[in-house]
Amino acid sequence: MERIYTAGNHLLGLVEDLLDLSLAEAGRQRLRLERIPLAPLVRDTLEMYSVQVAQKDLRVTVRLDPGWSW
């Protein structure tokens, strides 16, 4: 259930991002650049695709600088 919930939230975020992008392209919204923490994004993406990776007998390795934390 947690994976379904997480995937649903991720999909909702993508849809919202597309809507924001379409508003920006129409000149009705300005884009704002901001820094985001990369490690949680990588972790969540790996978790989201872990079943497919296991089914295909693949192995994913991520190496981050020691200063980054999960």
PDB file of N, CA and C in Angstrom:
ATOM      1  N   MET A   1       0.812  -1.179   0.000  1.00  0.00           N
ATOM      2  CA  MET A   1       0.000   0.000   0.000  1.00  0.00           C
ATOM      3  C   MET A   1       0.868   1.261   0.000  1.00  0.00           C
ATOM      4  N   GLU A   2       1.976   1.185   0.738  1.00  0.00           N
ATOM      5  CA  GLU A   2       2.846   2.358   0.801  1.00  0.00           C
ATOM      6  C   GLU A   2       3.433   2.682  -0.571  1.00  0.00           C
ATOM      7  N   ARG A   3       3.826   1.655  -1.329  1.00  0.00           N
ATOM      8  CA  ARG A   3       4.362   1.884  -2.673  1.00  0.00           C
ATOM      9  C   ARG A   3       3.304   2.495  -3.595  1.00  0.00           C
ATOM     10  N   ILE A   4       2.082   2.006  -3.477  1.00  0.00           N
ATOM     11  CA  ILE A   4       1.000   2.556  -4.297  1.00  0.00           C
ATOM     12  C   ILE A   4       0.775   4.017  -3.935  1.00  0.00           C
ATOM     13  N   TYR A   5       0.764   4.310  -2.651  1.00  0.00           N
ATOM     14  CA  TYR A   5       0.573   5.681  -2.189  1.00  0.00           C
ATOM     15  C   TYR A   5       1.704   6.590  -2.686  1.00  0.00           C
ATOM     16  N   THR A   6       2.939   6.104  -2.557  1.00  0.00           N
ATOM     17  CA  THR A   6       4.095   6.884  -2.993  1.00  0.00           C
ATOM     18  C   THR A   6       4.058   7.109  -4.501  1.00  0.00           C
ATOM     19  N   ALA A   7       3.751   6.053  -5.258  1.00  0.00           N
ATOM     20  CA  ALA A   7       3.673   6.180  -6.712  1.00  0.00           C
ATOM     21  C   ALA A   7       2.555   7.144  -7.110  1.00  0.00           C
ATOM     22  N   GLY A   8       1.426   7.083  -6.415  1.00  0.00           N
ATOM     23  CA  GLY A   8       0.318   7.999  -6.689  1.00  0.00           C
ATOM     24  C   GLY A   8       0.703   9.439  -6.437  1.00  0.00           C
ATOM     25  N   ASN A   9       1.400   9.682  -5.343  1.00  0.00           N
ATOM     26  CA  ASN A   9       1.860  11.031  -5.037  1.00  0.00           C
ATOM     27  C   ASN A   9       2.875  11.518  -6.072  1.00  0.00           C
ATOM     28  N   HIS A  10       3.730  10.605  -6.508  1.00  0.00           N
ATOM     29  CA  HIS A  10       4.710  10.958  -7.532  1.00  0.00           C
ATOM     30  C   HIS A  10       4.002  11.340  -8.833  1.00  0.00           C
ATOM     31  N   LEU A  11       3.009  10.543  -9.221  1.00  0.00           N
ATOM     32  CA  LEU A  11       2.248  10.834 -10.430  1.00  0.00           C
ATOM     33  C   LEU A  11       1.510  12.165 -10.313  1.00  0.00           C
ATOM     34  N   LEU A  12       0.928  12.421  -9.169  1.00  0.00           N
ATOM     35  CA  LEU A  12       0.248  13.690  -8.934  1.00  0.00           C
ATOM     36  C   LEU A  12       1.225  14.857  -9.083  1.00  0.00           C
ATOM     37  N   GLY A  13       2.421  14.701  -8.544  1.00  0.00           N
ATOM     38  CA  GLY A  13       3.443  15.737  -8.675  1.00  0.00           C
ATOM     39  C   GLY A  13       3.822  15.981 -10.123  1.00  0.00           C
ATOM     40  N   LEU A  14       3.931  14.909 -10.904  1.00  0.00           N
ATOM     41  CA  LEU A  14       4.256  15.062 -12.322  1.00  0.00           C
ATOM     42  C   LEU A  14       3.156  15.811 -13.061  1.00  0.00           C
ATOM     43  N   VAL A  15       1.905  15.473 -12.775  1.00  0.00           N
ATOM     44  CA  VAL A  15       0.781  16.154 -13.414  1.00  0.00           C
ATOM     45  C   VAL A  15       0.779  17.631 -13.037  1.00  0.00           C
ATOM     46  N   GLU A  16       0.995  17.923 -11.759  1.00  0.00           N
ATOM     47  CA  GLU A  16       1.046  19.325 -11.323  1.00  0.00           C
ATOM     48  C   GLU A  16       2.189  20.074 -12.001  1.00  0.00           C
ATOM     49  N   ASP A  17       3.345  19.404 -12.151  1.00  0.00           N
ATOM     50  CA  ASP A  17       4.471  20.031 -12.829  1.00  0.00           C
ATOM     51  C   ASP A  17       4.143  20.325 -14.292  1.00  0.00           C
ATOM     52  N   LEU A  18       3.449  19.393 -14.953  1.00  0.00           N
ATOM     53  CA  LEU A  18       3.056  19.622 -16.349  1.00  0.00           C
ATOM     54  C   LEU A  18       2.081  20.789 -16.467  1.00  0.00           C
ATOM     55  N   LEU A  19       1.154  20.865 -15.550  1.00  0.00           N
ATOM     56  CA  LEU A  19       0.209  21.983 -15.563  1.00  0.00           C
ATOM     57  C   LEU A  19       0.934  23.309 -15.338  1.00  0.00           C
ATOM     58  N   ASP A  20       1.870  23.324 -14.393  1.00  0.00           N
ATOM     59  CA  ASP A  20       2.657  24.533 -14.146  1.00  0.00           C
ATOM     60  C   ASP A  20       3.464  24.925 -15.386  1.00  0.00           C
ATOM     61  N   LEU A  21       4.053  23.933 -16.048  1.00  0.00           N
ATOM     62  CA  LEU A  21       4.839  24.198 -17.243  1.00  0.00           C
ATOM     63  C   LEU A  21       3.963  24.776 -18.354  1.00  0.00           C
ATOM     64  N   SER A  22       2.766  24.233 -18.517  1.00  0.00           N
ATOM     65  CA  SER A  22       1.880  24.751 -19.561  1.00  0.00           C
ATOM     66  C   SER A  22       1.468  26.188 -19.256  1.00  0.00           C
ATOM     67  N   LEU A  23       1.254  26.514 -17.977  1.00  0.00           N
ATOM     68  CA  LEU A  23       0.934  27.895 -17.608  1.00  0.00           C
ATOM     69  C   LEU A  23       2.122  28.814 -17.881  1.00  0.00           C
ATOM     70  N   ALA A  24       3.330  28.340 -17.591  1.00  0.00           N
ATOM     71  CA  ALA A  24       4.526  29.141 -17.829  1.00  0.00           C
ATOM     72  C   ALA A  24       4.712  29.392 -19.320  1.00  0.00           C
ATOM     73  N   GLU A  25       4.481  28.364 -20.135  1.00  0.00           N
ATOM     74  CA  GLU A  25       4.624  28.522 -21.580  1.00  0.00           C
ATOM     75  C   GLU A  25       3.576  29.482 -22.138  1.00  0.00           C
ATOM     76  N   ALA A  26       2.430  29.526 -21.503  1.00  0.00           N
ATOM     77  CA  ALA A  26       1.372  30.434 -21.944  1.00  0.00           C
ATOM     78  C   ALA A  26       1.607  31.848 -21.417  1.00  0.00           C
ATOM     79  N   GLY A  27       2.652  32.031 -20.611  1.00  0.00           N
ATOM     80  CA  GLY A  27       2.969  33.342 -20.076  1.00  0.00           C
ATOM     81  C   GLY A  27       2.126  33.734 -18.884  1.00  0.00           C
ATOM     82  N   ARG A  28       1.447  32.775 -18.279  1.00  0.00           N
ATOM     83  CA  ARG A  28       0.585  33.078 -17.143  1.00  0.00           C
ATOM     84  C   ARG A  28       1.216  32.705 -15.798  1.00  0.00           C
ATOM     85  N   GLN A  29       2.415  32.188 -15.849  1.00  0.00           N
ATOM     86  CA  GLN A  29       3.115  31.849 -14.610  1.00  0.00           C
ATOM     87  C   GLN A  29       4.611  31.943 -14.864  1.00  0.00           C
ATOM     88  N   ARG A  30       5.331  32.412 -13.882  1.00  0.00           N
ATOM     89  CA  ARG A  30       6.779  32.520 -14.012  1.00  0.00           C
ATOM     90  C   ARG A  30       7.433  31.309 -13.356  1.00  0.00           C
ATOM     91  N   LEU A  31       8.507  30.845 -13.957  1.00  0.00           N
ATOM     92  CA  LEU A  31       9.265  29.737 -13.389  1.00  0.00           C
ATOM     93  C   LEU A  31      10.196  30.251 -12.306  1.00  0.00           C
ATOM     94  N   ARG A  32      10.365  29.448 -11.280  1.00  0.00           N
ATOM     95  CA  ARG A  32      11.284  29.795 -10.201  1.00  0.00           C
ATOM     96  C   ARG A  32      12.254  28.630 -10.027  1.00  0.00           C
ATOM     97  N   LEU A  33      13.510  28.905 -10.231  1.00  0.00           N
ATOM     98  CA  LEU A  33      14.525  27.873 -10.039  1.00  0.00           C
ATOM     99  C   LEU A  33      14.840  27.741  -8.562  1.00  0.00           C
ATOM    100  N   GLU A  34      14.991  26.495  -8.115  1.00  0.00           N
ATOM    101  CA  GLU A  34      15.349  26.267  -6.725  1.00  0.00           C
ATOM    102  C   GLU A  34      16.152  24.982  -6.612  1.00  0.00           C
ATOM    103  N   ARG A  35      16.937  24.922  -5.586  1.00  0.00           N
ATOM    104  CA  ARG A  35      17.726  23.713  -5.327  1.00  0.00           C
ATOM    105  C   ARG A  35      16.868  22.720  -4.544  1.00  0.00           C
ATOM    106  N   ILE A  36      17.026  21.457  -4.900  1.00  0.00           N
ATOM    107  CA  ILE A  36      16.317  20.416  -4.176  1.00  0.00           C
ATOM    108  C   ILE A  36      17.337  19.366  -3.735  1.00  0.00           C
ATOM    109  N   PRO A  37      17.055  18.689  -2.640  1.00  0.00           N
ATOM    110  CA  PRO A  37      17.974  17.623  -2.211  1.00  0.00           C
ATOM    111  C   PRO A  37      17.865  16.440  -3.168  1.00  0.00           C
ATOM    112  N   LEU A  38      18.980  16.039  -3.736  1.00  0.00           N
ATOM    113  CA  LEU A  38      18.985  14.984  -4.741  1.00  0.00           C
ATOM    114  C   LEU A  38      18.881  13.585  -4.129  1.00  0.00           C
ATOM    115  N   ALA A  39      19.493  13.367  -2.988  1.00  0.00           N
ATOM    116  CA  ALA A  39      19.530  12.027  -2.390  1.00  0.00           C
ATOM    117  C   ALA A  39      18.125  11.457  -2.154  1.00  0.00           C
ATOM    118  N   PRO A  40      17.164  12.195  -1.571  1.00  0.00           N
ATOM    119  CA  PRO A  40      15.828  11.624  -1.395  1.00  0.00           C
ATOM    120  C   PRO A  40      15.145  11.298  -2.725  1.00  0.00           C
ATOM    121  N   LEU A  41      15.385  12.095  -3.746  1.00  0.00           N
ATOM    122  CA  LEU A  41      14.800  11.825  -5.055  1.00  0.00           C
ATOM    123  C   LEU A  41      15.337  10.518  -5.630  1.00  0.00           C
ATOM    124  N   VAL A  42      16.642  10.320  -5.508  1.00  0.00           N
ATOM    125  CA  VAL A  42      17.264   9.086  -5.996  1.00  0.00           C
ATOM    126  C   VAL A  42      16.740   7.891  -5.200  1.00  0.00           C
ATOM    127  N   ARG A  43      16.686   8.028  -3.882  1.00  0.00           N
ATOM    128  CA  ARG A  43      16.200   6.944  -3.021  1.00  0.00           C
ATOM    129  C   ARG A  43      14.763   6.561  -3.377  1.00  0.00           C
ATOM    130  N   ASP A  44      13.894   7.561  -3.507  1.00  0.00           N
ATOM    131  CA  ASP A  44      12.485   7.296  -3.818  1.00  0.00           C
ATOM    132  C   ASP A  44      12.327   6.647  -5.194  1.00  0.00           C
ATOM    133  N   THR A  45      13.137   7.088  -6.146  1.00  0.00           N
ATOM    134  CA  THR A  45      13.070   6.508  -7.492  1.00  0.00           C
ATOM    135  C   THR A  45      13.511   5.055  -7.465  1.00  0.00           C
ATOM    136  N   LEU A  46      14.577   4.765  -6.739  1.00  0.00           N
ATOM    137  CA  LEU A  46      15.034   3.376  -6.630  1.00  0.00           C
ATOM    138  C   LEU A  46      13.979   2.502  -5.964  1.00  0.00           C
ATOM    139  N   GLU A  47      13.337   3.014  -4.923  1.00  0.00           N
ATOM    140  CA  GLU A  47      12.285   2.253  -4.247  1.00  0.00           C
ATOM    141  C   GLU A  47      11.112   2.010  -5.182  1.00  0.00           C
ATOM    142  N   MET A  48      10.772   3.008  -5.983  1.00  0.00           N
ATOM    143  CA  MET A  48       9.620   2.903  -6.858  1.00  0.00           C
ATOM    144  C   MET A  48       9.835   1.815  -7.927  1.00  0.00           C
ATOM    145  N   TYR A  49      11.067   1.662  -8.383  1.00  0.00           N
ATOM    146  CA  TYR A  49      11.347   0.693  -9.439  1.00  0.00           C
ATOM    147  C   TYR A  49      11.987  -0.593  -8.926  1.00  0.00           C
ATOM    148  N   SER A  50      12.023  -0.790  -7.634  1.00  0.00           N
ATOM    149  CA  SER A  50      12.701  -1.962  -7.075  1.00  0.00           C
ATOM    150  C   SER A  50      12.079  -3.279  -7.521  1.00  0.00           C
ATOM    151  N   VAL A  51      10.766  -3.323  -7.666  1.00  0.00           N
ATOM    152  CA  VAL A  51      10.102  -4.564  -8.090  1.00  0.00           C
ATOM    153  C   VAL A  51      10.505  -4.907  -9.523  1.00  0.00           C
ATOM    154  N   GLN A  52      10.461  -3.925 -10.418  1.00  0.00           N
ATOM    155  CA  GLN A  52      10.837  -4.178 -11.810  1.00  0.00           C
ATOM    156  C   GLN A  52      12.300  -4.591 -11.925  1.00  0.00           C
ATOM    157  N   VAL A  53      13.149  -3.971 -11.128  1.00  0.00           N
ATOM    158  CA  VAL A  53      14.574  -4.309 -11.142  1.00  0.00           C
ATOM    159  C   VAL A  53      14.761  -5.758 -10.698  1.00  0.00           C
ATOM    160  N   ALA A  54      14.074  -6.154  -9.637  1.00  0.00           N
ATOM    161  CA  ALA A  54      14.197  -7.524  -9.129  1.00  0.00           C
ATOM    162  C   ALA A  54      13.638  -8.532 -10.133  1.00  0.00           C
ATOM    163  N   GLN A  55      12.523  -8.203 -10.765  1.00  0.00           N
ATOM    164  CA  GLN A  55      11.913  -9.116 -11.737  1.00  0.00           C
ATOM    165  C   GLN A  55      12.828  -9.372 -12.928  1.00  0.00           C
ATOM    166  N   LYS A  56      13.610  -8.389 -13.296  1.00  0.00           N
ATOM    167  CA  LYS A  56      14.505  -8.530 -14.443  1.00  0.00           C
ATOM    168  C   LYS A  56      15.899  -8.986 -14.014  1.00  0.00           C
ATOM    169  N   ASP A  57      16.024  -9.312 -12.737  1.00  0.00           N
ATOM    170  CA  ASP A  57      17.295  -9.790 -12.191  1.00  0.00           C
ATOM    171  C   ASP A  57      18.436  -8.799 -12.475  1.00  0.00           C
ATOM    172  N   LEU A  58      18.127  -7.513 -12.266  1.00  0.00           N
ATOM    173  CA  LEU A  58      19.120  -6.464 -12.447  1.00  0.00           C
ATOM    174  C   LEU A  58      19.651  -6.020 -11.094  1.00  0.00           C
ATOM    175  N   ARG A  59      20.725  -5.290 -11.144  1.00  0.00           N
ATOM    176  CA  ARG A  59      21.311  -4.737  -9.930  1.00  0.00           C
ATOM    177  C   ARG A  59      21.609  -3.265 -10.171  1.00  0.00           C
ATOM    178  N   VAL A  60      21.146  -2.416  -9.279  1.00  0.00           N
ATOM    179  CA  VAL A  60      21.374  -0.983  -9.388  1.00  0.00           C
ATOM    180  C   VAL A  60      22.266  -0.550  -8.237  1.00  0.00           C
ATOM    181  N   THR A  61      23.327   0.158  -8.563  1.00  0.00           N
ATOM    182  CA  THR A  61      24.247   0.652  -7.554  1.00  0.00           C
ATOM    183  C   THR A  61      24.322   2.166  -7.651  1.00  0.00           C
ATOM    184  N   VAL A  62      24.193   2.822  -6.504  1.00  0.00           N
ATOM    185  CA  VAL A  62      24.284   4.281  -6.458  1.00  0.00           C
ATOM    186  C   VAL A  62      25.407   4.644  -5.501  1.00  0.00           C
ATOM    187  N   ARG A  63      26.282   5.510  -5.952  1.00  0.00           N
ATOM    188  CA  ARG A  63      27.355   5.992  -5.098  1.00  0.00           C
ATOM    189  C   ARG A  63      27.225   7.501  -4.966  1.00  0.00           C
ATOM    190  N   LEU A  64      27.109   7.949  -3.747  1.00  0.00           N
ATOM    191  CA  LEU A  64      27.010   9.372  -3.469  1.00  0.00           C
ATOM    192  C   LEU A  64      28.215   9.818  -2.664  1.00  0.00           C
ATOM    193  N   ASP A  65      28.547  11.090  -2.748  1.00  0.00           N
ATOM    194  CA  ASP A  65      29.622  11.621  -1.933  1.00  0.00           C
ATOM    195  C   ASP A  65      29.336  11.362  -0.466  1.00  0.00           C
ATOM    196  N   PRO A  66      30.355  11.144   0.352  1.00  0.00           N
ATOM    197  CA  PRO A  66      30.157  10.832   1.767  1.00  0.00           C
ATOM    198  C   PRO A  66      29.343  11.888   2.529  1.00  0.00           C
ATOM    199  N   GLY A  67      29.370  13.126   2.072  1.00  0.00           N
ATOM    200  CA  GLY A  67      28.630  14.176   2.758  1.00  0.00           C
ATOM    201  C   GLY A  67      27.121  14.076   2.585  1.00  0.00           C
ATOM    202  N   TRP A  68      26.672  13.261   1.642  1.00  0.00           N
ATOM    203  CA  TRP A  68      25.242  13.115   1.392  1.00  0.00           C
ATOM    204  C   TRP A  68      24.684  12.048   2.308  1.00  0.00           C
ATOM    205  N   SER A  69      23.470  12.214   2.722  1.00  0.00           N
ATOM    206  CA  SER A  69      22.872  11.196   3.586  1.00  0.00           C
ATOM    207  C   SER A  69      21.551  10.735   3.017  1.00  0.00           C
ATOM    208  N   TRP A  70      21.192   9.534   3.347  1.00  0.00           N
ATOM    209  CA  TRP A  70      19.904   8.964   2.924  1.00  0.00           C
ATOM    210  C   TRP A  70      18.919   9.258   4.008  1.00  0.00           C
TER     211      TRP A  70
END
